[in-house]
Protein backbone atom coordinates (compact mmCIF):
# COMPACT_ATOMS: atom_id res chain seq x y z
CA UNK A 1 0.00 0.00 0.00
CA UNK A 2 1.55 3.36 -1.02
CA UNK A 3 2.45 5.74 1.76
CA UNK A 4 0.02 8.63 2.09
CA UNK A 5 1.37 12.05 2.99
CA UNK A 6 -0.19 13.90 5.89
CA UNK A 7 -1.76 17.32 5.41
CA UNK A 8 1.22 18.78 7.23
CA UNK A 9 3.62 17.28 4.67
CA UNK A 10 1.38 18.32 1.77
CA UNK A 11 1.07 21.88 3.02
CA UNK A 12 4.82 22.19 3.61
CA UNK A 13 5.66 20.80 0.17
CA UNK A 14 3.05 22.98 -1.54
CA UNK A 15 4.19 26.20 0.12
CA UNK A 16 7.87 25.32 -0.38
CA UNK A 17 7.41 24.57 -4.08
CA UNK A 18 5.21 27.62 -4.62
CA UNK A 19 7.58 29.96 -2.79
CA UNK A 20 10.64 28.48 -4.53
CA UNK A 21 8.99 28.86 -7.94
CA UNK A 22 8.00 32.48 -7.31
CA UNK A 23 11.45 33.32 -5.89
CA UNK A 24 13.18 31.66 -8.86
CA UNK A 25 10.96 33.63 -11.25
CA UNK A 26 11.85 36.88 -9.47
CA UNK A 27 15.58 36.09 -9.47
CA UNK A 28 15.37 35.10 -13.14
CA UNK A 29 13.62 38.35 -14.05
CA UNK A 30 16.23 40.37 -12.14
CA UNK A 31 19.07 38.45 -13.83
CA UNK A 32 17.58 39.03 -17.29
CA UNK A 33 17.11 42.73 -16.50
CA UNK A 34 20.71 43.16 -15.41
CA UNK A 35 21.91 41.14 -18.41
CA UNK A 36 20.09 43.58 -20.68
CA UNK A 37 21.58 46.50 -18.80
CA UNK A 38 25.08 45.03 -19.27
CA UNK A 39 24.41 44.44 -22.96
CA UNK A 40 23.16 48.00 -23.38
CA UNK A 41 26.21 49.43 -21.59
CA UNK A 42 28.57 47.33 -23.73
CA UNK A 43 26.76 48.39 -26.91
CA UNK A 44 27.02 52.05 -25.88
CA UNK A 45 30.79 51.76 -25.47
CA UNK A 46 31.18 49.85 -28.73
CA UNK A 47 29.12 52.47 -30.56
CA UNK A 48 31.18 55.30 -29.03
CA UNK A 49 34.39 53.72 -30.32
CA UNK A 50 32.81 52.91 -33.67
CA UNK A 51 31.68 56.53 -34.09
CA UNK A 52 35.15 57.83 -33.22
CA UNK A 53 36.83 55.56 -35.75
CA UNK A 54 34.21 56.38 -38.38
CA UNK A 55 34.88 60.09 -38.08
CA UNK A 56 38.64 59.46 -38.64
CA UNK A 57 38.14 57.61 -41.88
CA UNK A 58 40.04 58.15 -44.11
CA UNK A 59 42.23 60.85 -42.49
CA UNK A 60 44.36 60.25 -39.43
CA UNK A 61 43.14 56.66 -39.26
CA UNK A 62 46.33 55.40 -37.59
CA UNK A 63 46.06 57.98 -34.79
CA UNK A 64 42.47 56.94 -34.10
CA UNK A 65 43.50 53.30 -33.89
CA UNK A 66 46.24 54.15 -31.42
CA UNK A 67 43.81 56.08 -29.23
CA UNK A 68 41.42 53.11 -29.20
CA UNK A 69 44.20 50.71 -28.23
CA UNK A 70 44.72 52.74 -25.07
CA UNK A 71 41.08 52.23 -23.95
CA UNK A 72 40.79 50.59 -20.49
CA UNK A 73 37.92 48.35 -21.71
CA UNK A 74 40.24 46.49 -24.09
CA UNK A 75 38.05 47.12 -27.08
CA UNK A 76 39.48 45.62 -30.25
CA UNK A 77 39.17 47.35 -33.64
CA UNK A 78 39.81 45.89 -37.06
CA UNK A 79 39.47 47.94 -40.25
CA UNK A 80 38.98 46.08 -43.47
CA UNK A 81 39.62 47.69 -46.84
CA UNK A 82 37.98 46.05 -49.80
CA UNK A 83 37.33 43.00 -47.61
CA UNK A 84 40.95 42.59 -46.51
CA UNK A 85 42.40 43.42 -43.05
CA UNK A 86 43.92 46.90 -43.15
CA UNK A 87 44.50 48.07 -39.61
CA UNK A 88 44.01 46.30 -36.24
CA UNK A 89 44.36 47.02 -32.55
CA UNK A 90 43.34 45.20 -29.37
CA UNK A 91 43.67 41.65 -27.99
CA UNK A 92 40.99 40.07 -30.22
CA UNK A 93 41.43 39.02 -33.82
CA UNK A 94 38.12 40.15 -35.31
CA UNK A 95 36.67 38.78 -38.50
CA UNK A 96 34.72 40.68 -41.10
CA UNK A 97 31.16 40.73 -39.70
CA UNK A 98 28.08 42.78 -40.43
CA UNK A 99 25.58 44.38 -38.09
CA UNK A 100 25.87 43.74 -34.37
CA UNK A 101 25.55 40.77 -31.98
CA UNK A 102 27.56 38.14 -30.13
CA UNK A 103 29.62 35.39 -31.77
CA UNK A 104 32.19 32.85 -30.62
CA UNK A 105 35.71 33.49 -31.84
CA UNK A 106 37.67 30.42 -30.89
CA UNK A 107 36.88 29.79 -27.20
CA UNK A 108 35.90 33.40 -26.52
CA UNK A 109 32.46 35.00 -26.78
CA UNK A 110 32.80 38.33 -28.60
CA UNK A 111 30.25 41.10 -28.66
CA UNK A 112 30.73 43.16 -31.82
CA UNK A 113 29.40 46.05 -33.87
CA UNK A 114 30.31 46.96 -37.50
CA UNK A 115 29.86 49.78 -39.98
CA UNK A 116 30.82 50.42 -43.63
CA UNK A 117 32.30 53.78 -44.67
CA UNK A 118 33.23 54.14 -48.35
CA UNK A 119 35.40 51.11 -49.11
CA UNK A 120 36.27 50.55 -45.45
CA UNK A 121 34.56 48.04 -43.15
CA UNK A 122 35.03 48.87 -39.46
CA UNK A 123 34.45 46.11 -36.85
CA UNK A 124 34.76 46.80 -33.13
CA UNK A 125 34.41 44.14 -30.45
CA UNK A 126 35.13 43.18 -26.84
CA UNK A 127 35.58 40.02 -24.80
CA UNK A 128 31.99 39.34 -23.69
CA UNK A 129 33.01 36.53 -21.32
CA UNK A 130 35.01 38.94 -19.21
CA UNK A 131 32.33 41.61 -19.45
CA UNK A 132 29.47 39.31 -18.39
CA UNK A 133 31.35 37.70 -15.49
CA UNK A 134 29.43 39.98 -13.09
CA UNK A 135 26.20 38.59 -14.48
CA UNK A 136 27.34 35.05 -13.81
CA UNK A 137 28.35 35.99 -10.28
CA UNK A 138 24.87 37.47 -9.77
CA UNK A 139 23.25 34.22 -10.93
CA UNK A 140 25.47 32.19 -8.58
CA UNK A 141 24.59 34.56 -5.74
CA UNK A 142 20.89 34.17 -6.46
CA UNK A 143 21.26 30.37 -6.49
CA UNK A 144 23.09 30.43 -3.17
CA UNK A 145 20.37 32.64 -1.68
CA UNK A 146 17.47 30.63 -3.20
CA UNK A 147 18.36 27.31 -1.58
CA UNK A 148 18.55 28.42 2.11
CA UNK A 149 15.69 30.90 1.73
CA UNK A 150 13.33 28.27 0.30
CA UNK A 151 14.43 25.79 2.95
CA UNK A 152 13.84 28.38 5.66
CA UNK A 153 10.31 29.10 4.43
CA UNK A 154 9.50 25.37 4.23
CA UNK A 155 10.90 24.84 7.74
CA UNK A 156 8.82 27.76 9.04
CA UNK A 157 5.68 26.32 7.47
CA UNK A 158 6.50 22.91 8.98
CA UNK A 159 6.77 24.37 12.48
CA UNK A 160 3.70 26.57 12.00
CA UNK A 161 1.52 23.70 10.79
CA UNK A 162 2.66 21.60 13.74
CA UNK A 163 1.33 24.28 16.06
CA UNK A 164 -1.79 24.77 13.93
CA UNK A 165 -2.73 21.08 13.82
CA UNK A 166 -1.88 20.42 17.47
CA UNK A 167 -5.50 20.91 18.66
CA UNK A 168 -6.71 18.58 15.89
CA UNK A 169 -4.20 15.91 16.89
CA UNK A 170 -5.28 16.31 20.51
CA UNK A 171 -8.90 15.86 19.41
CA UNK A 172 -7.89 12.70 17.50
CA UNK A 173 -6.18 11.27 20.60
CA UNK A 174 -9.19 12.21 22.70
CA UNK A 175 -11.59 10.66 20.20
CA UNK A 176 -9.56 7.46 20.26
CA UNK A 177 -10.31 7.14 23.97
CA UNK A 178 -14.02 7.93 23.71
CA UNK A 179 -14.86 4.33 22.83
CA UNK A 180 -13.85 3.20 26.30
CA UNK A 181 -15.02 6.30 28.14
CA UNK A 182 -18.75 5.66 27.80
CA UNK A 183 -21.52 6.88 25.46
CA UNK A 184 -21.93 10.18 27.31
CA UNK A 185 -18.32 11.28 26.76
CA UNK A 186 -17.70 14.22 24.46
CA UNK A 187 -14.74 16.04 22.97
CA UNK A 188 -13.25 18.99 24.79
CA UNK A 189 -13.94 22.15 22.79
CA UNK A 190 -10.76 24.15 21.95
CA UNK A 191 -10.85 27.93 22.27
CA UNK A 192 -9.79 28.65 18.68
CA UNK A 193 -12.73 29.31 16.34
CA UNK A 194 -11.89 26.73 13.63
CA UNK A 195 -11.30 23.60 15.68
CA UNK A 196 -13.73 24.77 18.35
CA UNK A 197 -16.50 24.79 15.74
CA UNK A 198 -15.36 21.38 14.51
CA UNK A 199 -15.48 19.95 18.04
CA UNK A 200 -18.95 21.46 18.54
CA UNK A 201 -20.22 19.89 15.33
CA UNK A 202 -18.69 16.52 16.23
CA UNK A 203 -20.23 16.64 19.70
CA UNK A 204 -23.58 17.53 18.13
CA UNK A 205 -23.15 14.61 15.74
CA UNK A 206 -22.38 12.31 18.68
CA UNK A 207 -25.50 13.59 20.44
CA UNK A 208 -27.56 12.69 17.38
CA UNK A 209 -25.99 9.24 17.22
CA UNK A 210 -26.67 8.68 20.92
CA UNK A 211 -30.25 9.84 20.47
CA UNK A 212 -30.67 7.38 17.61
CA UNK A 213 -29.12 4.56 19.62
CA UNK A 214 -31.33 5.42 22.58
CA UNK A 215 -34.42 5.40 20.37
CA UNK A 216 -33.44 2.07 18.88
CA UNK A 217 -32.82 0.59 22.30
CA UNK A 218 -36.20 1.87 23.48
CA UNK A 219 -37.78 0.59 20.29
CA UNK A 220 -36.33 -2.89 20.80
CA UNK A 221 -37.34 -2.91 24.45
CA UNK A 222 -40.88 -1.77 23.64
CA UNK A 223 -41.15 -4.23 20.75
CA UNK A 224 -40.00 -7.07 22.98
CA UNK A 225 -42.52 -6.00 25.59
CA UNK A 226 -45.36 -5.88 23.07
CA UNK A 227 -44.42 -9.26 21.58
CA UNK A 228 -44.12 -10.86 25.00
CA UNK A 229 -47.86 -10.55 25.70
CA UNK A 230 -49.21 -12.56 22.72
CA UNK A 231 -46.39 -15.08 23.02
CA UNK A 232 -47.16 -15.56 26.73
CA UNK A 233 -50.86 -16.04 25.96
CA UNK A 234 -50.12 -18.55 23.21
CA UNK A 235 -47.69 -20.48 25.39
CA UNK A 236 -50.03 -20.49 28.40
CA UNK A 237 -53.00 -21.72 26.37
CA UNK A 238 -50.97 -24.46 24.70
CA UNK A 239 -49.42 -25.62 27.96
CA UNK A 240 -52.82 -25.62 29.68
CA UNK A 241 -54.45 -27.61 26.89
CA UNK A 242 -51.69 -30.24 27.12
CA UNK A 243 -52.14 -30.86 30.84
CA UNK A 244 -54.99 -33.33 30.15
CA UNK A 245 -57.02 -34.70 27.31
CA UNK A 246 -59.68 -32.31 26.11
CA UNK A 247 -62.70 -32.48 23.87
CA UNK A 248 -62.68 -31.30 20.29
CA UNK A 249 -64.62 -28.11 21.09
CA UNK A 250 -62.11 -27.27 23.83
CA UNK A 251 -59.16 -27.76 21.44
CA UNK A 252 -60.96 -25.65 18.86
CA UNK A 253 -61.40 -22.90 21.43
CA UNK A 254 -57.67 -22.98 22.21
CA UNK A 255 -56.76 -22.98 18.53
CA UNK A 256 -59.06 -20.05 17.79
CA UNK A 257 -57.56 -18.08 20.67
CA UNK A 258 -54.06 -19.02 19.50
CA UNK A 259 -54.94 -17.95 15.96
CA UNK A 260 -56.24 -14.59 17.20
CA UNK A 261 -53.03 -13.94 19.11
CA UNK A 262 -50.94 -15.06 16.12
CA UNK A 263 -52.82 -12.65 13.86
CA UNK A 264 -52.32 -9.91 16.43
CA UNK A 265 -48.60 -10.68 16.65
CA UNK A 266 -48.31 -10.75 12.84
CA UNK A 267 -50.00 -7.35 12.63
CA UNK A 268 -47.59 -5.99 15.22
CA UNK A 269 -44.58 -7.29 13.29
CA UNK A 270 -45.87 -5.69 10.07
CA UNK A 271 -46.39 -2.38 11.86
CA UNK A 272 -42.89 -2.56 13.32
CA UNK A 273 -41.44 -3.13 9.86
CA UNK A 274 -43.28 -0.10 8.47
CA UNK A 275 -42.26 2.00 11.47
CA UNK A 276 -38.57 1.11 11.22
CA UNK A 277 -38.25 1.54 7.44
CA UNK A 278 -35.58 4.19 6.79
CA UNK A 279 -36.26 5.08 3.15
CA UNK A 280 -39.44 6.35 1.53
CA UNK A 281 -39.60 6.67 -2.24
CA UNK A 282 -40.68 10.00 -3.80
CA UNK A 283 -44.40 10.42 -4.44
CA UNK A 284 -46.14 12.44 -7.19
CA UNK A 285 -49.16 14.67 -6.68
CA UNK A 286 -52.21 12.46 -7.25
CA UNK A 287 -55.95 12.77 -6.94
CA UNK A 288 -56.78 11.16 -3.58
CA UNK A 289 -60.56 11.52 -3.82
CA UNK A 290 -61.19 7.89 -4.83
CA UNK A 291 -58.66 6.54 -2.32
CA UNK A 292 -60.39 8.32 0.59
CA UNK A 293 -63.83 7.14 -0.54
CA UNK A 294 -62.60 3.54 -0.88
CA UNK A 295 -61.24 3.66 2.66
CA UNK A 296 -64.58 4.94 4.00
CA UNK A 297 -66.44 2.18 2.14
CA UNK A 298 -64.06 -0.44 3.52
CA UNK A 299 -64.72 0.59 7.13
CA UNK A 300 -68.47 1.23 6.87
CA UNK A 301 -69.50 -2.32 7.76
CA UNK A 302 -67.30 -2.43 10.87
CA UNK A 303 -68.74 0.88 12.09
CA UNK A 304 -72.24 -0.41 11.42
CA UNK A 305 -71.59 -3.51 13.54
CA UNK A 306 -70.41 -1.26 16.39
CA UNK A 307 -73.57 0.85 15.96
CA UNK A 308 -71.48 3.92 15.08
CA UNK A 309 -72.54 6.03 12.08
CA UNK A 310 -69.72 6.67 9.61
CA UNK A 311 -70.43 9.83 7.63
CA UNK A 312 -68.28 11.38 4.92
CA UNK A 313 -67.97 14.63 3.02
CA UNK A 314 -65.45 14.25 0.21
CA UNK A 315 -64.45 16.91 -2.29
CA UNK A 316 -61.96 16.52 -5.18
CA UNK A 317 -58.42 17.11 -3.91
CA UNK A 318 -54.81 16.21 -4.66
CA UNK A 319 -51.82 15.43 -2.45
CA UNK A 320 -48.22 14.12 -2.84
CA UNK A 321 -48.74 10.68 -1.30
CA UNK A 322 -48.91 7.07 -2.43
CA UNK A 323 -52.31 5.40 -2.31
CA UNK A 324 -51.06 2.66 0.02
CA UNK A 325 -49.64 5.22 2.43
CA UNK A 326 -52.86 7.21 2.51
CA UNK A 327 -54.83 4.01 3.14
CA UNK A 328 -52.52 3.11 6.03
CA UNK A 329 -52.98 6.56 7.61
CA UNK A 330 -56.78 6.48 7.25
CA UNK A 331 -56.98 2.89 8.48
CA UNK A 332 -55.14 3.83 11.67
CA UNK A 333 -57.23 6.96 12.25
CA UNK A 334 -60.54 5.19 11.58
CA UNK A 335 -59.46 2.22 13.70
CA UNK A 336 -58.74 4.56 16.63
CA UNK A 337 -62.03 6.38 16.08
CA UNK A 338 -63.92 3.09 16.08
CA UNK A 339 -62.28 1.91 19.31
CA UNK A 340 -63.11 5.11 21.17
CA UNK A 341 -66.55 5.88 19.72
CA UNK A 342 -69.56 4.83 21.86
CA UNK A 343 -72.60 3.19 20.24
CA UNK A 344 -74.97 5.70 18.73
CA UNK A 345 -72.26 8.30 18.06
CA UNK A 346 -71.14 9.68 14.70
CA UNK A 347 -67.67 9.58 13.08
CA UNK A 348 -67.15 11.86 10.11
CA UNK A 349 -64.45 11.75 7.41
CA UNK A 350 -63.90 14.93 5.40
CA UNK A 351 -61.66 15.69 2.41
CA UNK A 352 -61.43 19.30 1.28
CA UNK A 353 -59.17 21.52 -0.80
CA UNK A 354 -58.92 25.23 -0.10
CA UNK A 355 -56.37 27.92 -1.03
CA UNK A 356 -53.76 25.45 -2.25
CA UNK A 357 -54.04 23.17 0.81
CA UNK A 358 -55.48 19.67 1.08
CA UNK A 359 -57.01 18.61 4.41
CA UNK A 360 -58.17 15.15 5.51
CA UNK A 361 -60.18 15.13 8.75
CA UNK A 362 -61.37 12.21 10.92
CA UNK A 363 -63.63 13.42 13.76
CA UNK A 364 -65.28 11.17 16.35
CA UNK A 365 -67.57 11.76 19.33
CA UNK A 366 -65.67 9.57 21.79
CA UNK A 367 -63.88 10.42 25.02
CA UNK A 368 -61.40 12.72 23.28
CA UNK A 369 -57.69 13.13 23.97
CA UNK A 370 -56.62 14.88 27.21
CA UNK A 371 -54.55 18.00 26.70
CA UNK A 372 -51.61 16.62 28.68
CA UNK A 373 -51.04 13.71 26.27
CA UNK A 374 -51.85 15.33 22.91
CA UNK A 375 -48.13 15.79 22.30
CA UNK A 376 -47.32 12.15 23.15
CA UNK A 377 -49.91 10.11 21.29
CA UNK A 378 -47.77 10.14 18.12
CA UNK A 379 -44.87 8.41 19.95
CA UNK A 380 -44.35 4.71 19.35
CA UNK A 381 -45.91 2.36 21.89
CA UNK A 382 -47.79 5.12 23.67
CA UNK A 383 -51.14 3.85 25.01
CA UNK A 384 -53.90 6.22 26.07
CA UNK A 385 -56.32 3.63 27.44
CA UNK A 386 -59.82 2.82 26.27
CA UNK A 387 -63.33 3.08 27.51
CA UNK A 388 -64.71 0.13 25.57
CA UNK A 389 -63.13 -3.05 26.88
CA UNK A 390 -60.40 -5.39 25.65
CA UNK A 391 -61.47 -5.35 22.02
CA UNK A 392 -60.26 -1.78 21.73
CA UNK A 393 -56.68 -2.46 22.80
CA UNK A 394 -54.04 -1.35 20.31
CA UNK A 395 -50.31 -1.60 19.88
CA UNK A 396 -49.59 2.08 20.45
CA UNK A 397 -47.74 2.34 17.15
CA UNK A 398 -50.38 3.26 14.57
CA UNK A 399 -50.33 7.01 15.19
CA UNK A 400 -46.52 6.98 15.16
CA UNK A 401 -46.66 5.45 11.67
CA UNK A 402 -49.19 8.09 10.59
CA UNK A 403 -46.87 10.88 11.75
CA UNK A 404 -43.87 9.32 10.05
CA UNK A 405 -45.70 9.07 6.71
CA UNK A 406 -47.05 12.63 7.02
CA UNK A 407 -43.60 14.00 7.84
CA UNK A 408 -42.09 12.21 4.84
CA UNK A 409 -44.80 13.56 2.51
CA UNK A 410 -44.63 17.18 3.68
CA UNK A 411 -47.89 17.02 5.62
CA UNK A 412 -48.72 17.86 9.22
CA UNK A 413 -50.89 15.77 11.53
CA UNK A 414 -52.48 17.01 14.72
CA UNK A 415 -55.33 16.26 17.10
CA UNK A 416 -57.85 18.82 18.37
CA UNK A 417 -61.01 18.52 20.42
CA UNK A 418 -64.34 17.79 18.79
CA UNK A 419 -67.11 20.02 20.11
CA UNK A 420 -68.81 19.07 22.39
CA UNK A 421 -66.86 15.83 22.87
CA UNK A 422 -64.45 13.64 20.98
CA UNK A 423 -61.20 13.96 19.05
CA UNK A 424 -60.53 15.33 15.58
CA UNK A 425 -57.40 14.31 13.66
CA UNK A 426 -56.32 16.64 10.83
CA UNK A 427 -53.83 15.76 8.10
CA UNK A 428 -52.87 18.88 6.13
CA UNK A 429 -50.78 19.38 2.99
CA UNK A 430 -50.07 23.10 2.66
CA UNK A 431 -49.65 24.77 -0.73
CA UNK A 432 -50.01 21.66 -2.90
CA UNK A 433 -49.01 22.82 -6.42
CA UNK A 434 -48.37 20.93 -9.62
CA UNK A 435 -45.12 22.85 -10.06
CA UNK A 436 -43.50 21.18 -7.05
CA UNK A 437 -44.39 17.60 -7.92
CA UNK A 438 -45.02 15.36 -10.86
CA UNK A 439 -48.79 15.10 -11.33
CA UNK A 440 -50.11 11.59 -11.96
CA UNK A 441 -53.79 10.63 -12.26
CA UNK A 442 -54.54 7.26 -10.76
């Protein structure tokens, strides 16, 4: 596995390379600038000598040559006449060249300048190696400065990042020990704003994880408690029936009771699966009028058997919800209404659309919901008791599933009092528009 560099190494290398590149570019620009200055100064001297010799042609040419030979810059001059060497002075043997520039004569770089006057060709030049030695010394000086300066900057960044990342490393060491320190342990928050905010966010994240773990533990404990009751009943009835031989009707009674508890336990397991499902697929905006009416029709016979009138007032309306989800919500609300509605009372289901909102209402005339538990009835496994005997017992999870579906579909669910008595559950989708969802007609 290849070795991975730490952020400290990466930052040090990045800054070192960037600083070294910029410094080298600056030194290079300075060196080029001074090289041009040297070239300009050399050209000025060559042109001065060339002008002096030009003015002496053709009179007093020898005197001009002698004056040039005494120049401290060791400028060489060669005069060609009709292409042949005529007069010469200086240490360099110059060839017949035109224009100006730099050429190699033997092992020596020569900077030259030439001019033609009548049938004379004048070439002046100087040893450019000796002249540009200061430029080479400047480049060497820059190189000697560049290496320690870049190293110093990289070393400074290395020390600075060590101090900068020290709180983060301390947090890493502290986090390593949190696994053995207990679920309530949290990171110490540094005083600096960057890592302090990071520690705060991590602690908040740990709080959320602990809340989730706590909910799951409570969920498992509550689920085990709810499953224990039907299992205990089934086991007790089976064990009792096996104590002695019984008649066929007695065995049938035990089997029917066992079947009822098995169905109850199966319903509980299905509800637990729906309640614990983590993902809900997106839903389009659909017309829910038919789905609400079908749910009312499905429950009408059960309400009639309980001598409770099930009334409905349904208007055309749309909502972003799947038909199965809406049926599950209405089944739970109507089931609760049926359990808590006394004989002779009325339960009404309403569907209405007004000002961009869709509202589904289930109102009964039962005992109602006390104010002190209205905020808790949507919690899983919360039981509020019943006034109508054992047949009305529930799992305490149906309303929690209703709230979870409503939250996922952008709806709100709440319970208010029915006047003069009873409870009214309202499911509201606010501002349902076809621009926000894909509209599908079922």
